[in-house]
């Protein structure tokens, strides 16, 4: 007799599902019998990491028979110096995803609520569900941007965590520092508020230094090395928080949760700001070009503040399938309740040329 393992699992397992990433290139090549594919689905940095980061990993590779520094001391010191905060306020994780999950798991459980935008990063909902907490998804005022006033109204005595992605993935919208400060000022001082800044480097000039917002004791700012720094495959993210919050989160993390190579790469990448800034500039120029092209095709859905653009069309599923047939992987947004949308990562100029040529051909064929 087969065992019903779901009946044995914790209750929240029934409604839980794994995070579904963008389709890997190898999978598409196998499915379509292609020899080449371009992945524009996961907002990765198409230029790769800093050469300094690559060299640091090569040098560190000789020591992979040893466990890494479990506390990631060198990386924490580098991040503390970079942000001019105390080292005890730094949390590091296996990608910012793990940092977000650890924060929610530390502060929210059964009977508690986690508030986030309905079209915010989907990991907030998954992490709340996994922790046994109740997710409270707040609808956007304009269909794409966080409705901060409505999120304030959703906060009650059961709320333990509020999550804001800024810029938001997948919609690309942005709130300025003044709006965020007003939002924080209206919240209880002992409420954990996560501002997820995975795409911060693409708006740093526009947004300014958000670390100043940390005067609010419950605020946590999370960032990642996966996007602008080109280290998605290393899985390395971090957060800045009150030292008391960081110490509690540290109790929940797995031992050695950040690999030796990831720590070495992140320290070196942080020291090569000039390279990162140049790649961000390349990305922003290409993003603007892609948005103009989408506008000309009648497919534009506003301005994005991340390293991706949004395409909107009633036949988006058909467009996605046709793009894959041509070796281009987009990101359908149906899991976010955005069935008419595709998210397209900004690639290199060559990759974007291939995408735009294919898209134009597809749309002309649908007319």
Protein backbone atom coordinates (compact mmCIF):
# COMPACT_ATOMS: atom_id res chain seq x y z
CA UNK A 1 0.00 0.00 0.00
CA UNK A 2 1.41 3.36 -1.06
CA UNK A 3 2.02 5.92 1.68
CA UNK A 4 0.20 9.23 1.31
CA UNK A 5 3.21 11.41 2.06
CA UNK A 6 1.26 14.62 1.48
CA UNK A 7 -0.96 13.70 4.44
CA UNK A 8 2.20 13.37 6.54
CA UNK A 9 3.70 16.68 5.46
CA UNK A 10 3.09 20.01 7.22
CA UNK A 11 -0.28 21.54 6.21
CA UNK A 12 1.11 24.34 4.05
CA UNK A 13 2.70 21.82 1.68
CA UNK A 14 -0.62 21.17 -0.08
CA UNK A 15 -0.77 24.61 -1.65
CA UNK A 16 2.98 25.04 -2.08
CA UNK A 17 4.78 24.73 -5.41
CA UNK A 18 8.42 25.18 -6.43
CA UNK A 19 9.64 28.40 -7.98
CA UNK A 20 9.69 27.97 -11.76
CA UNK A 21 12.72 29.69 -13.34
CA UNK A 22 13.16 30.72 -16.96
CA UNK A 23 13.62 27.84 -19.37
CA UNK A 24 17.31 26.83 -19.63
CA UNK A 25 19.00 27.11 -23.03
CA UNK A 26 19.87 23.40 -23.01
CA UNK A 27 16.21 22.45 -22.62
CA UNK A 28 15.09 24.60 -25.55
CA UNK A 29 17.87 23.26 -27.78
CA UNK A 30 16.77 19.72 -27.00
CA UNK A 31 13.06 20.46 -27.41
CA UNK A 32 13.39 22.26 -30.73
CA UNK A 33 16.42 20.50 -32.20
CA UNK A 34 18.24 23.83 -32.51
CA UNK A 35 21.98 24.47 -32.47
CA UNK A 36 21.78 27.94 -30.91
CA UNK A 37 19.47 29.78 -28.56
CA UNK A 38 19.32 33.14 -26.80
CA UNK A 39 17.94 33.29 -23.28
CA UNK A 40 16.09 36.52 -22.49
CA UNK A 41 14.01 35.09 -19.66
CA UNK A 42 15.84 35.46 -16.34
CA UNK A 43 17.23 39.02 -16.26
CA UNK A 44 20.80 37.75 -16.22
CA UNK A 45 23.76 39.95 -17.13
CA UNK A 46 24.60 38.97 -20.73
CA UNK A 47 28.13 40.36 -20.45
CA UNK A 48 29.18 38.01 -17.67
CA UNK A 49 31.03 38.94 -14.46
CA UNK A 50 33.98 41.22 -13.94
CA UNK A 51 37.32 39.72 -15.04
CA UNK A 52 38.51 40.36 -11.49
CA UNK A 53 35.71 38.15 -10.18
CA UNK A 54 36.62 35.40 -12.64
CA UNK A 55 40.27 35.51 -11.57
CA UNK A 56 39.26 35.45 -7.91
CA UNK A 57 37.22 32.29 -8.47
CA UNK A 58 40.07 30.65 -10.38
CA UNK A 59 42.45 31.37 -7.54
CA UNK A 60 39.97 30.23 -4.89
CA UNK A 61 39.29 26.98 -6.74
CA UNK A 62 42.47 25.45 -5.31
CA UNK A 63 40.83 25.54 -1.89
CA UNK A 64 37.49 23.92 -2.67
CA UNK A 65 38.44 20.83 -0.67
CA UNK A 66 37.93 23.00 2.43
CA UNK A 67 34.69 24.44 3.76
CA UNK A 68 34.21 28.15 3.15
CA UNK A 69 34.16 30.70 5.94
CA UNK A 70 30.75 29.94 7.46
CA UNK A 71 30.32 33.55 8.51
CA UNK A 72 31.55 34.97 5.17
CA UNK A 73 33.72 37.36 7.16
CA UNK A 74 35.71 38.89 4.31
CA UNK A 75 32.58 39.49 2.27
CA UNK A 76 30.71 40.98 5.21
CA UNK A 77 33.62 43.33 5.89
CA UNK A 78 33.75 44.36 2.23
CA UNK A 79 30.00 45.01 2.16
CA UNK A 80 30.09 46.90 5.46
CA UNK A 81 32.87 49.15 4.14
CA UNK A 82 31.07 49.61 0.83
CA UNK A 83 27.83 50.70 2.51
CA UNK A 84 29.50 52.37 5.51
CA UNK A 85 27.57 50.32 8.06
CA UNK A 86 28.56 48.03 10.90
CA UNK A 87 29.57 44.50 9.89
CA UNK A 88 26.96 43.03 12.26
CA UNK A 89 24.20 44.51 10.10
CA UNK A 90 25.09 42.40 7.04
CA UNK A 91 23.21 39.19 6.18
CA UNK A 92 24.54 37.03 3.32
CA UNK A 93 22.80 34.20 1.56
CA UNK A 94 22.66 31.76 -1.31
CA UNK A 95 21.21 34.41 -3.59
CA UNK A 96 18.92 37.15 -2.32
CA UNK A 97 16.14 34.54 -2.58
CA UNK A 98 17.54 32.71 0.42
CA UNK A 99 17.92 35.98 2.32
CA UNK A 100 14.26 36.82 1.68
CA UNK A 101 13.15 33.33 2.70
CA UNK A 102 15.23 33.44 5.89
CA UNK A 103 13.81 36.81 6.87
CA UNK A 104 10.22 35.67 6.40
CA UNK A 105 10.85 32.34 8.12
CA UNK A 106 12.44 34.10 11.10
CA UNK A 107 9.61 36.54 11.68
CA UNK A 108 6.41 34.96 10.31
CA UNK A 109 4.70 31.65 11.01
CA UNK A 110 1.28 30.09 11.45
CA UNK A 111 -1.32 32.75 12.25
CA UNK A 112 0.87 35.59 10.98
CA UNK A 113 0.50 37.61 7.78
CA UNK A 114 2.97 38.74 5.14
CA UNK A 115 1.89 41.69 2.98
CA UNK A 116 3.15 42.16 -0.58
CA UNK A 117 1.99 43.48 -3.92
CA UNK A 118 -0.12 41.12 -6.02
CA UNK A 119 2.33 41.48 -8.88
CA UNK A 120 5.41 41.68 -6.72
CA UNK A 121 8.22 39.12 -6.89
CA UNK A 122 6.57 35.71 -6.57
CA UNK A 123 9.08 34.45 -4.00
CA UNK A 124 7.37 36.53 -1.27
CA UNK A 125 4.19 34.48 -1.63
CA UNK A 126 6.11 31.20 -1.81
CA UNK A 127 8.21 32.01 1.25
CA UNK A 128 5.16 33.04 3.28
CA UNK A 129 3.37 29.83 2.33
CA UNK A 130 6.39 27.69 3.19
CA UNK A 131 6.63 29.36 6.61
CA UNK A 132 2.98 28.56 7.32
CA UNK A 133 2.07 32.26 7.29
CA UNK A 134 -0.81 33.82 5.36
CA UNK A 135 0.15 35.85 2.31
CA UNK A 136 -1.81 39.06 1.75
CA UNK A 137 -1.55 40.12 -1.90
CA UNK A 138 -2.52 43.76 -2.45
CA UNK A 139 -3.76 44.79 -5.89
CA UNK A 140 -1.85 47.48 -7.77
CA UNK A 141 -3.47 50.87 -8.22
CA UNK A 142 -2.55 51.11 -11.92
CA UNK A 143 -2.15 47.44 -12.71
CA UNK A 144 1.64 47.47 -12.46
CA UNK A 145 2.92 49.57 -9.54
CA UNK A 146 2.76 48.87 -5.79
CA UNK A 147 -0.19 50.65 -4.20
CA UNK A 148 1.56 51.81 -1.04
CA UNK A 149 -1.59 53.33 0.47
CA UNK A 150 -3.50 50.05 0.01
CA UNK A 151 -0.58 48.12 1.46
CA UNK A 152 -0.70 50.36 4.53
CA UNK A 153 -4.40 49.59 4.89
CA UNK A 154 -3.64 45.85 4.71
CA UNK A 155 -1.34 46.00 7.74
CA UNK A 156 -2.99 44.84 10.98
CA UNK A 157 -2.07 43.23 14.30
CA UNK A 158 -1.29 39.93 12.54
CA UNK A 159 1.13 41.46 10.05
CA UNK A 160 4.73 40.48 10.69
CA UNK A 161 6.45 41.29 7.37
CA UNK A 162 5.85 43.70 4.48
CA UNK A 163 7.69 43.13 1.18
CA UNK A 164 8.34 45.75 -1.49
CA UNK A 165 10.35 45.15 -4.67
CA UNK A 166 11.88 48.40 -5.88
CA UNK A 167 12.30 48.35 -8.85
CA UNK A 168 9.66 45.67 -9.06
CA UNK A 169 10.11 42.40 -10.86
CA UNK A 170 8.29 41.64 -13.12
CA UNK A 171 6.59 44.99 -13.79
CA UNK A 172 9.65 47.26 -13.79
CA UNK A 173 7.98 50.02 -11.74
CA UNK A 174 9.79 52.22 -9.21
CA UNK A 175 8.95 54.25 -6.11
CA UNK A 176 11.15 57.18 -5.13
CA UNK A 177 12.81 57.59 -1.74
CA UNK A 178 10.28 60.21 -0.58
CA UNK A 179 7.36 57.82 -1.19
CA UNK A 180 9.16 55.00 0.59
CA UNK A 181 10.01 57.25 3.53
CA UNK A 182 6.37 58.30 3.91
CA UNK A 183 5.34 54.66 3.77
CA UNK A 184 7.84 53.69 6.47
CA UNK A 185 6.85 56.62 8.68
CA UNK A 186 3.24 55.40 8.70
CA UNK A 187 4.15 51.87 9.84
CA UNK A 188 4.76 50.53 13.35
CA UNK A 189 8.42 50.77 14.31
CA UNK A 190 8.56 47.08 15.24
CA UNK A 191 7.25 45.78 11.90
CA UNK A 192 9.74 44.10 9.55
CA UNK A 193 9.76 45.81 6.14
CA UNK A 194 11.84 44.32 3.32
CA UNK A 195 12.75 46.56 0.39
CA UNK A 196 14.05 44.16 -2.24
CA UNK A 197 16.54 46.05 -4.41
CA UNK A 198 17.73 43.28 -6.72
CA UNK A 199 17.80 45.82 -9.58
CA UNK A 200 19.14 48.77 -7.58
CA UNK A 201 22.25 49.33 -9.70
CA UNK A 202 20.07 50.14 -12.71
CA UNK A 203 18.39 53.01 -10.84
CA UNK A 204 21.16 54.08 -8.46
CA UNK A 205 21.59 57.48 -10.12
CA UNK A 206 17.84 58.08 -10.23
CA UNK A 207 16.98 56.70 -6.79
CA UNK A 208 19.97 57.80 -4.72
CA UNK A 209 21.30 56.11 -1.59
CA UNK A 210 18.41 54.20 -0.01
CA UNK A 211 20.58 52.96 2.84
CA UNK A 212 19.68 56.24 4.54
CA UNK A 213 16.17 54.84 4.97
CA UNK A 214 17.57 52.38 7.50
CA UNK A 215 16.81 54.85 10.26
CA UNK A 216 13.55 52.88 10.42
CA UNK A 217 14.49 50.05 12.84
CA UNK A 218 12.45 47.37 11.09
CA UNK A 219 13.72 48.08 7.58
CA UNK A 220 15.78 45.52 5.70
CA UNK A 221 17.32 46.33 2.31
CA UNK A 222 18.21 43.28 0.22
CA UNK A 223 20.42 43.22 -2.86
CA UNK A 224 22.06 40.67 -5.12
CA UNK A 225 25.17 39.99 -7.17
CA UNK A 226 23.07 38.09 -9.75
CA UNK A 227 22.01 41.00 -11.94
CA UNK A 228 24.33 43.96 -12.50
CA UNK A 229 27.38 42.07 -11.20
CA UNK A 230 26.80 39.05 -13.47
CA UNK A 231 27.17 36.37 -10.78
CA UNK A 232 23.78 34.63 -11.07
CA UNK A 233 25.43 31.21 -11.26
CA UNK A 234 27.30 31.81 -8.00
CA UNK A 235 24.08 32.43 -6.03
CA UNK A 236 25.14 35.28 -3.77
CA UNK A 237 22.91 37.91 -2.21
CA UNK A 238 22.86 40.02 0.92
CA UNK A 239 20.84 42.35 3.08
CA UNK A 240 21.46 45.26 5.44
CA UNK A 241 19.39 45.31 8.61
CA UNK A 242 19.39 46.16 12.29
CA UNK A 243 22.08 44.09 14.00
CA UNK A 244 19.44 42.44 16.18
CA UNK A 245 17.50 41.32 13.11
CA UNK A 246 20.66 40.03 11.44
CA UNK A 247 21.63 38.00 14.52
CA UNK A 248 18.23 36.29 14.63
CA UNK A 249 18.25 35.48 10.92
CA UNK A 250 21.71 33.98 11.37
CA UNK A 251 20.17 31.35 13.65
CA UNK A 252 18.07 30.02 10.76
CA UNK A 253 20.62 29.91 7.95
CA UNK A 254 22.24 26.64 6.93
CA UNK A 255 25.94 26.14 7.75
CA UNK A 256 28.24 27.30 4.94
CA UNK A 257 25.31 28.66 2.96
CA UNK A 258 27.53 30.75 0.68
CA UNK A 259 30.16 28.83 -1.26
CA UNK A 260 33.88 29.55 -1.28
CA UNK A 261 33.84 30.59 -4.95
CA UNK A 262 30.80 32.84 -4.48
CA UNK A 263 32.42 34.67 -1.57
CA UNK A 264 35.64 35.23 -3.48
CA UNK A 265 33.82 36.38 -6.61
CA UNK A 266 31.57 38.80 -4.72
CA UNK A 267 34.46 40.48 -2.90
CA UNK A 268 36.32 40.96 -6.19
CA UNK A 269 33.21 42.14 -8.06
CA UNK A 270 32.48 44.70 -5.38
CA UNK A 271 36.00 46.03 -5.89
CA UNK A 272 35.44 46.49 -9.63
CA UNK A 273 32.72 49.11 -9.63
CA UNK A 274 34.03 50.67 -12.83
CA UNK A 275 33.42 47.47 -14.79
CA UNK A 276 29.94 47.04 -13.31
CA UNK A 277 28.97 50.65 -14.04
CA UNK A 278 30.05 50.28 -17.68
CA UNK A 279 27.93 47.15 -18.12
CA UNK A 280 24.95 48.88 -16.50
CA UNK A 281 25.36 51.76 -18.97
CA UNK A 282 25.43 49.27 -21.86
CA UNK A 283 22.27 47.63 -20.53
CA UNK A 284 20.38 50.89 -20.07
CA UNK A 285 21.20 52.01 -23.60
CA UNK A 286 19.99 48.68 -25.01
CA UNK A 287 16.88 48.75 -22.82
CA UNK A 288 15.91 52.17 -24.18
CA UNK A 289 16.43 50.92 -27.73
CA UNK A 290 14.24 47.88 -27.09
CA UNK A 291 11.49 50.00 -25.54
CA UNK A 292 11.48 52.31 -28.57
CA UNK A 293 11.22 49.30 -30.87
CA UNK A 294 8.34 47.82 -28.88
CA UNK A 295 6.57 51.18 -28.96
CA UNK A 296 6.92 51.31 -32.73
CA UNK A 297 5.34 47.85 -32.93
CA UNK A 298 2.49 48.89 -30.64
CA UNK A 299 3.59 46.40 -27.97
CA UNK A 300 5.11 48.72 -25.35
CA UNK A 301 3.82 48.66 -21.78
CA UNK A 302 5.47 51.68 -20.22
CA UNK A 303 9.01 52.32 -19.05
CA UNK A 304 10.93 49.67 -17.13
CA UNK A 305 13.46 50.52 -14.44
CA UNK A 306 15.11 47.08 -14.47
CA UNK A 307 17.28 45.23 -16.98
CA UNK A 308 14.19 43.98 -18.80
CA UNK A 309 11.26 45.30 -20.81
CA UNK A 310 7.58 44.40 -20.89
CA UNK A 311 5.70 43.36 -24.00
CA UNK A 312 1.91 43.30 -24.02
CA UNK A 313 -0.23 41.59 -26.63
CA UNK A 314 -3.42 39.55 -26.54
CA UNK A 315 -1.56 36.76 -28.32
CA UNK A 316 1.46 36.77 -26.04
CA UNK A 317 1.37 32.97 -25.64
CA UNK A 318 1.48 32.60 -29.41
CA UNK A 319 4.35 35.10 -29.62
CA UNK A 320 6.26 33.24 -26.89
CA UNK A 321 5.90 29.93 -28.71
CA UNK A 322 6.99 31.48 -32.00
CA UNK A 323 10.03 33.07 -30.37
CA UNK A 324 11.06 29.73 -28.88
CA UNK A 325 10.74 28.14 -32.30
CA UNK A 326 13.30 30.71 -33.45
CA UNK A 327 15.63 29.99 -30.54
CA UNK A 328 14.71 32.93 -28.30
CA UNK A 329 13.51 32.32 -24.74
CA UNK A 330 11.15 34.99 -23.28
CA UNK A 331 9.45 34.92 -19.87
CA UNK A 332 5.65 34.53 -19.94
CA UNK A 333 4.01 36.26 -16.98
CA UNK A 334 0.83 34.18 -16.63
CA UNK A 335 1.99 32.97 -13.16
CA UNK A 336 1.70 36.60 -12.05
CA UNK A 337 -1.82 36.93 -13.42
CA UNK A 338 -0.44 38.83 -16.42
CA UNK A 339 -1.40 36.49 -19.25
CA UNK A 340 -1.06 39.19 -21.93
CA UNK A 341 2.51 40.05 -20.96
CA UNK A 342 5.98 38.78 -21.75
CA UNK A 343 9.05 39.92 -19.85
CA UNK A 344 12.11 40.22 -22.05
CA UNK A 345 15.56 40.52 -20.49
CA UNK A 346 17.93 43.02 -22.06
CA UNK A 347 20.66 41.09 -23.84
CA UNK A 348 23.71 42.16 -25.82
CA UNK A 349 23.17 44.30 -28.91
CA UNK A 350 23.46 41.18 -31.08
CA UNK A 351 20.98 39.22 -28.96
CA UNK A 352 18.53 42.11 -28.96
CA UNK A 353 18.82 42.45 -32.73
CA UNK A 354 17.89 38.77 -33.10
CA UNK A 355 14.92 39.21 -30.78
CA UNK A 356 13.59 42.35 -32.45
CA UNK A 357 13.95 40.91 -35.95
CA UNK A 358 12.12 37.73 -34.89
CA UNK A 359 9.42 39.67 -33.04
CA UNK A 360 8.77 41.95 -36.00
CA UNK A 361 8.41 38.94 -38.29
CA UNK A 362 6.06 37.20 -35.84
CA UNK A 363 3.84 40.24 -35.27
CA UNK A 364 3.65 41.01 -39.01
CA UNK A 365 2.53 37.41 -39.54
CA UNK A 366 -0.24 37.79 -36.94
CA UNK A 367 -1.65 40.97 -38.49
